Protein backbone atom coordinates (compact mmCIF):
# COMPACT_ATOMS: atom_id res chain seq x y z
CA MET A 1 -199.21 -83.43 2.17
CA LYS A 2 -199.45 -80.51 4.22
CA THR A 3 -195.45 -80.11 3.75
CA GLU A 4 -196.29 -79.98 -0.26
CA PHE A 5 -199.12 -77.38 -0.16
CA LEU A 6 -196.58 -75.33 1.98
CA LYS A 7 -193.76 -76.00 -0.60
CA TYR A 8 -195.91 -74.52 -3.02
CA LEU A 9 -197.54 -71.37 -1.49
CA LEU A 10 -193.74 -70.55 -0.54
CA ILE A 11 -192.63 -70.68 -4.14
CA GLY A 12 -195.74 -68.78 -5.22
CA PHE A 13 -194.88 -65.62 -2.87
CA VAL A 14 -191.25 -65.96 -3.61
CA LEU A 15 -192.47 -65.84 -7.64
CA ILE A 16 -194.80 -62.54 -6.81
CA ALA A 17 -192.12 -60.61 -4.52
CA ILE A 18 -189.83 -61.13 -7.85
CA GLN A 19 -192.26 -59.71 -10.07
CA ALA A 20 -192.96 -56.61 -7.87
CA CYS A 21 -189.27 -55.93 -7.56
CA GLY A 22 -189.04 -56.56 -11.59
CA GLN A 23 -192.13 -53.96 -11.94
CA ASN A 24 -190.24 -51.40 -9.67
CA ASN A 25 -187.17 -51.74 -11.73
CA PRO A 26 -187.03 -48.87 -14.27
CA LYS A 27 -185.72 -50.53 -16.74
CA THR A 28 -188.68 -52.93 -16.54
CA LYS A 29 -191.11 -49.97 -16.55
CA ILE A 30 -189.63 -48.45 -19.63
CA ALA A 31 -189.73 -51.74 -21.05
CA LEU A 32 -193.32 -52.34 -20.23
CA GLN A 33 -194.20 -48.70 -21.84
CA VAL A 34 -192.76 -49.38 -24.80
CA ALA A 35 -194.59 -52.30 -25.00
CA GLU A 36 -197.58 -50.63 -24.55
CA THR A 37 -197.03 -48.17 -26.95
CA THR A 38 -196.22 -49.92 -29.34
CA SER A 39 -199.52 -52.36 -29.29
CA ASN A 40 -201.64 -48.84 -29.35
CA ASP A 41 -199.46 -47.77 -32.83
CA GLU A 42 -200.20 -51.17 -34.27
CA THR A 43 -203.87 -50.72 -33.46
CA GLN A 44 -204.38 -47.61 -34.98
CA ILE A 45 -202.67 -48.80 -37.89
CA ILE A 46 -204.56 -52.02 -38.28
CA ALA A 47 -207.54 -50.34 -38.17
CA MET A 48 -206.13 -47.33 -40.47
CA LEU A 49 -205.54 -50.48 -42.90
CA LYS A 50 -208.52 -51.79 -42.34
CA ASP A 51 -210.63 -48.85 -43.13
CA PHE A 52 -208.69 -47.76 -45.88
CA TYR A 53 -209.14 -51.51 -47.74
CA THR A 54 -212.60 -51.39 -47.10
CA HIS A 55 -213.24 -48.42 -48.57
CA TYR A 56 -210.86 -48.94 -51.44
CA ILE A 57 -212.63 -52.52 -52.05
CA ILE A 58 -216.19 -50.62 -52.28
CA GLU A 59 -215.22 -47.89 -54.59
CA CYS A 60 -213.42 -50.14 -56.89
CA ASP A 61 -216.23 -52.84 -56.93
CA LYS A 62 -218.19 -49.78 -58.26
CA MET A 63 -219.95 -50.04 -61.60
CA PRO A 64 -219.33 -47.48 -63.18
CA VAL A 65 -216.15 -46.69 -60.94
CA ASN A 66 -215.87 -43.16 -59.70
CA GLY A 67 -212.01 -42.34 -60.48
CA GLN A 68 -212.47 -39.31 -58.22
CA ASN A 69 -213.39 -41.19 -55.12
CA ILE A 70 -210.11 -43.41 -55.98
CA VAL A 71 -208.00 -40.42 -56.21
CA ALA A 72 -209.46 -39.14 -52.63
CA LEU A 73 -208.81 -42.20 -50.88
CA LYS A 74 -204.91 -42.46 -52.22
CA ASN A 75 -204.62 -38.90 -51.20
CA LYS A 76 -206.20 -39.55 -47.67
CA TYR A 77 -204.32 -42.87 -47.35
CA PHE A 78 -200.97 -42.60 -49.07
CA THR A 79 -197.85 -40.20 -48.55
CA THR A 80 -196.93 -37.50 -50.80
CA GLU A 81 -193.80 -39.76 -51.67
CA PHE A 82 -195.92 -42.35 -52.17
CA LEU A 83 -198.31 -40.84 -54.79
CA LYS A 84 -195.48 -39.61 -56.97
CA LYS A 85 -194.36 -43.17 -57.07
CA TRP A 86 -197.28 -44.46 -58.00
CA ASP A 87 -197.64 -42.18 -60.80
CA GLU A 88 -194.50 -43.00 -61.98
CA ILE A 89 -195.80 -46.76 -62.70
CA GLU A 90 -198.18 -48.05 -65.17
CA LEU A 91 -199.10 -51.59 -64.74
CA ASP A 92 -202.07 -53.92 -65.73
CA TYR A 93 -202.79 -54.59 -62.55
CA ASP A 94 -203.94 -52.90 -59.01
CA PRO A 95 -200.64 -53.44 -56.72
CA VAL A 96 -203.44 -52.43 -53.61
CA LEU A 97 -205.03 -55.60 -54.24
CA ASN A 98 -202.48 -57.67 -56.25
CA ALA A 99 -205.40 -58.19 -58.47
CA GLN A 100 -206.98 -57.29 -61.88
CA ASP A 101 -210.75 -57.65 -60.93
CA TYR A 102 -212.44 -56.85 -57.47
CA ASN A 103 -215.05 -58.31 -55.43
CA LYS A 104 -216.82 -56.51 -52.55
CA ASP A 105 -216.94 -60.28 -50.33
CA TRP A 106 -213.32 -59.61 -49.85
CA ILE A 107 -214.06 -57.33 -47.08
CA LYS A 108 -215.21 -60.19 -45.18
CA THR A 109 -212.34 -61.95 -45.40
CA LEU A 110 -209.46 -59.10 -44.72
CA GLU A 111 -206.78 -59.94 -42.09
CA ILE A 112 -204.19 -57.28 -41.07
CA ASN A 113 -201.21 -57.99 -39.10
CA SER A 114 -197.78 -56.53 -38.53
CA VAL A 115 -194.50 -58.56 -40.27
CA PRO A 116 -192.71 -59.17 -37.05
CA SER A 117 -189.50 -59.81 -38.89
CA GLN A 118 -189.66 -56.20 -40.73
CA LYS A 119 -189.89 -53.08 -39.11
CA ASP A 120 -192.95 -50.84 -39.82
CA VAL A 121 -194.40 -53.98 -42.24
CA TYR A 122 -198.06 -54.87 -42.56
CA GLU A 123 -199.56 -57.63 -44.51
CA VAL A 124 -202.97 -57.48 -46.08
CA CYS A 125 -204.65 -60.43 -46.80
CA TYR A 126 -208.17 -61.69 -48.01
CA SER A 127 -210.12 -64.69 -49.60
CA ILE A 128 -208.63 -66.28 -46.25
CA LYS A 129 -204.83 -65.88 -46.96
CA GLU A 130 -205.32 -66.60 -50.70
CA ASN A 131 -203.71 -63.21 -51.58
CA CYS A 132 -201.62 -61.19 -49.37
CA ILE A 133 -199.87 -57.84 -49.70
CA ARG A 134 -197.06 -56.16 -47.18
CA LEU A 135 -197.29 -52.31 -47.01
CA SER A 136 -194.70 -49.92 -45.34
CA VAL A 137 -196.17 -47.41 -43.04
CA ILE A 138 -195.31 -44.64 -41.67
CA LYS A 139 -196.28 -41.87 -38.83
CA LYS A 140 -196.32 -38.19 -40.73
CA ASP A 141 -197.63 -35.33 -38.29
CA GLY A 142 -199.32 -37.77 -35.98
CA ILE A 143 -201.35 -39.60 -38.93
CA TYR A 144 -200.43 -42.82 -40.03
CA LEU A 145 -199.85 -43.31 -43.80
CA ILE A 146 -199.30 -45.90 -46.13
CA ASP A 147 -195.78 -45.33 -47.74
CA ASN A 148 -194.90 -48.10 -50.24
CA ILE A 149 -196.00 -51.45 -50.99
CA GLN A 150 -193.79 -54.15 -51.03
CA GLY A 151 -192.67 -55.35 -54.61
CA LEU A 152 -193.90 -52.25 -56.52
CA THR A 153 -190.51 -50.69 -55.89
CA ASN A 154 -188.48 -53.20 -57.38
CA VAL A 155 -190.98 -53.64 -60.65
CA SER A 156 -188.93 -52.58 -63.30
CA VAL A 157 -191.52 -51.61 -66.19
CA LEU A 158 -190.43 -51.99 -69.62
CA GLU A 159 -189.87 -48.53 -71.48
CA THR A 160 -189.96 -47.76 -75.17
CA LYS A 161 -186.00 -46.74 -74.82
CA GLN A 162 -185.13 -50.10 -73.35
CA LEU A 163 -185.95 -51.79 -76.60
CA SER A 164 -183.59 -51.41 -79.18
CA ASN A 165 -186.45 -53.52 -81.61
CA MET A 166 -190.00 -52.09 -81.37
CA GLU A 167 -191.22 -55.07 -83.27
CA TRP A 168 -191.11 -57.25 -80.08
CA ILE A 169 -193.68 -55.02 -78.57
CA GLY A 170 -197.21 -56.93 -79.06
CA ASN A 171 -199.70 -59.92 -78.15
CA TYR A 172 -197.78 -63.47 -78.48
CA SER A 173 -199.62 -67.18 -77.97
CA ILE A 174 -199.41 -70.49 -78.35
CA THR A 175 -201.49 -73.76 -77.52
CA ILE A 176 -200.18 -77.14 -76.77
CA ASP A 177 -202.67 -79.98 -77.20
CA TYR A 178 -201.61 -83.14 -75.13
CA GLY A 179 -204.40 -85.26 -76.45
CA LYS A 180 -207.36 -86.56 -74.64
CA LEU A 181 -207.62 -87.20 -70.46
CA ASP A 182 -210.12 -89.58 -71.33
CA GLU A 183 -213.30 -89.80 -73.44
CA PHE A 184 -214.77 -86.45 -72.34
CA SER A 185 -212.02 -84.42 -71.91
CA GLU A 186 -208.91 -82.60 -73.47
CA MET A 187 -205.36 -81.65 -72.45
CA THR A 188 -204.80 -78.21 -73.22
CA ILE A 189 -202.75 -75.30 -72.09
CA ASN A 190 -202.95 -71.99 -73.59
CA TYR A 191 -200.09 -69.43 -72.77
CA GLU A 192 -200.28 -65.65 -73.67
CA ILE A 193 -197.32 -63.39 -73.44
CA VAL A 194 -198.10 -59.67 -73.56
CA ILE A 195 -195.20 -57.11 -74.05
CA LYS A 196 -196.56 -53.34 -73.93
CA GLN A 197 -194.08 -50.21 -74.14
CA ASP A 198 -194.83 -50.15 -70.58
CA SER A 199 -195.37 -53.49 -68.91
CA CYS A 200 -194.83 -57.36 -69.72
CA THR A 201 -196.98 -60.23 -68.41
CA PHE A 202 -196.70 -63.81 -68.78
CA SER A 203 -200.04 -66.06 -68.70
CA GLY A 204 -201.15 -69.58 -68.80
CA MET A 205 -204.59 -71.48 -68.66
CA GLY A 206 -206.03 -74.71 -69.24
CA TYR A 207 -205.02 -78.68 -68.15
CA LYS A 208 -203.61 -78.00 -64.43
CA THR A 209 -202.35 -74.70 -65.09
CA TYR A 210 -203.44 -70.96 -64.28
CA PHE A 211 -201.24 -68.37 -63.71
CA THR A 212 -200.61 -64.64 -64.73
CA ASP A 213 -197.06 -63.29 -63.77
CA LEU A 214 -195.36 -59.84 -64.21
CA CYS A 215 -192.25 -59.91 -65.69
CA LYS A 216 -189.16 -57.86 -66.73
CA ILE A 217 -187.39 -57.99 -69.71
CA GLN A 218 -183.81 -58.12 -70.82
CA GLU A 219 -182.87 -57.82 -74.43
CA THR A 220 -179.89 -59.20 -76.22
CA GLY A 221 -179.72 -59.22 -79.96
CA ASP A 222 -182.88 -61.18 -81.47
CA GLU A 223 -183.47 -63.05 -78.13
CA LEU A 224 -185.62 -61.51 -75.14
CA LYS A 225 -185.67 -63.13 -71.78
CA LEU A 226 -189.18 -62.76 -69.45
CA ILE A 227 -187.71 -62.52 -65.90
CA CYS A 228 -190.78 -63.33 -63.33
CA LEU A 229 -191.28 -60.12 -60.87
CA LYS A 230 -194.34 -61.91 -59.11
CA ALA A 231 -197.86 -63.69 -59.72
CA ILE A 232 -200.47 -61.54 -60.10
CA ASP A 233 -203.18 -63.61 -60.74
CA GLY A 234 -203.48 -67.63 -60.65
CA ASP A 235 -204.29 -70.65 -58.63
CA GLY A 236 -201.19 -70.46 -55.77
CA PHE A 237 -200.18 -73.98 -56.90
CA SER A 238 -198.25 -72.42 -60.52
CA ASP A 239 -195.30 -70.49 -58.08
CA HIS A 240 -192.71 -69.35 -60.45
CA SER A 241 -190.63 -67.55 -58.12
CA ASP A 242 -187.99 -69.64 -57.88
CA ILE A 243 -187.41 -69.70 -61.63
CA GLU A 244 -184.79 -66.55 -62.71
CA THR A 245 -185.95 -66.75 -66.39
CA ILE A 246 -189.46 -67.79 -67.22
CA ALA A 247 -189.37 -67.85 -70.75
CA THR A 248 -186.91 -66.91 -73.64
CA LEU A 249 -188.22 -65.27 -76.81
CA THR A 250 -185.92 -65.54 -80.23
CA LYS A 251 -186.66 -64.34 -83.67
CA GLU A 252 -185.88 -65.60 -87.02
CA GLY A 253 -186.48 -63.38 -89.96
CA GLU A 254 -190.47 -63.10 -89.50
CA GLU A 255 -191.08 -65.84 -87.09
CA TYR A 256 -190.77 -65.86 -83.32
CA TYR A 257 -190.21 -68.47 -81.05
CA ILE A 258 -190.45 -69.57 -77.06
CA SER A 259 -188.11 -72.02 -74.79
CA SER A 260 -189.07 -71.89 -71.46
CA PRO A 261 -188.95 -74.52 -68.03
CA ILE A 262 -192.80 -73.66 -67.96
CA ILE A 263 -193.92 -74.81 -71.23
CA ALA A 264 -193.87 -78.32 -72.42
CA ASP A 265 -194.12 -79.62 -75.73
CA LYS A 266 -196.08 -82.54 -76.80
CA HIS A 267 -193.94 -85.05 -75.50
CA TRP A 268 -193.97 -83.65 -72.04
CA GLU A 269 -189.91 -82.09 -72.53
CA TYR A 270 -189.16 -78.59 -71.16
CA ASN A 271 -187.13 -75.80 -72.96
CA LYS A 272 -187.89 -76.69 -76.06
CA LYS A 273 -188.02 -74.28 -78.81
CA LEU A 274 -191.72 -73.72 -80.10
CA PRO A 275 -193.25 -71.28 -82.96
CA LEU A 276 -195.34 -68.40 -81.30
CA ASN A 277 -198.63 -66.66 -83.09
CA LYS A 278 -197.93 -63.06 -83.08
CA GLY A 279 -200.85 -60.71 -82.54
CA GLN A 280 -201.15 -56.93 -83.47
CA LYS A 281 -198.45 -54.61 -81.80
CA LEU A 282 -200.13 -52.96 -78.88
């Protein structure tokens, strides 16, 4: 027993000696200093992002919203370059929160962390990670600022000049009735596609379905392909990121049709050509 104790005591002294030698090594000291600086930077950035998101959610949840306060927050926390980029893009959702509405209770669930695999990128989550946004942060004149929101740069908004046929612009809808689930419940799904001059959304709501996707459009003659860019609302179970073309619209005379790997006909067969109802031009 005594021998075992002495053995472990000796091992302990050796480990302490190795650690002490490592700390006296210049390279080790530099590494420790870098790690300490990085930790301090992350703490400051996370504090900045929490401060921004807290004030931003509070202002956006007010009724009526004070637009001047929102602009003031962006001017304070965004880089000049990002502000210019923001002004050039028009979307029907808020990229800061990846949402279309606001709730001040989100502040209580804010969780902010650095993304180890991406330099200077931080992930902001709320509602217990139901919604997460990744932002790029840079340091300018000693101040940390938001320089980009991931996904925003790659969003190709639909410009008027990109459409050779302006008749595509409008509101489209289709309702599929799959009958009764039981004597009390209907199995119905409503789909809606909104094509504007500067954006396109594809949404579904009903039986086991709840999503809204932001899309870009590819036009070929009398055919439009909807390419999913990102989900902007939904239940989290309707992920279409692995589907390149989420819908194809075609025009025959004055009639419009849709085929989609997401929409099934009454017989639960997908990618079938189905008639669309078109509303007023937006």
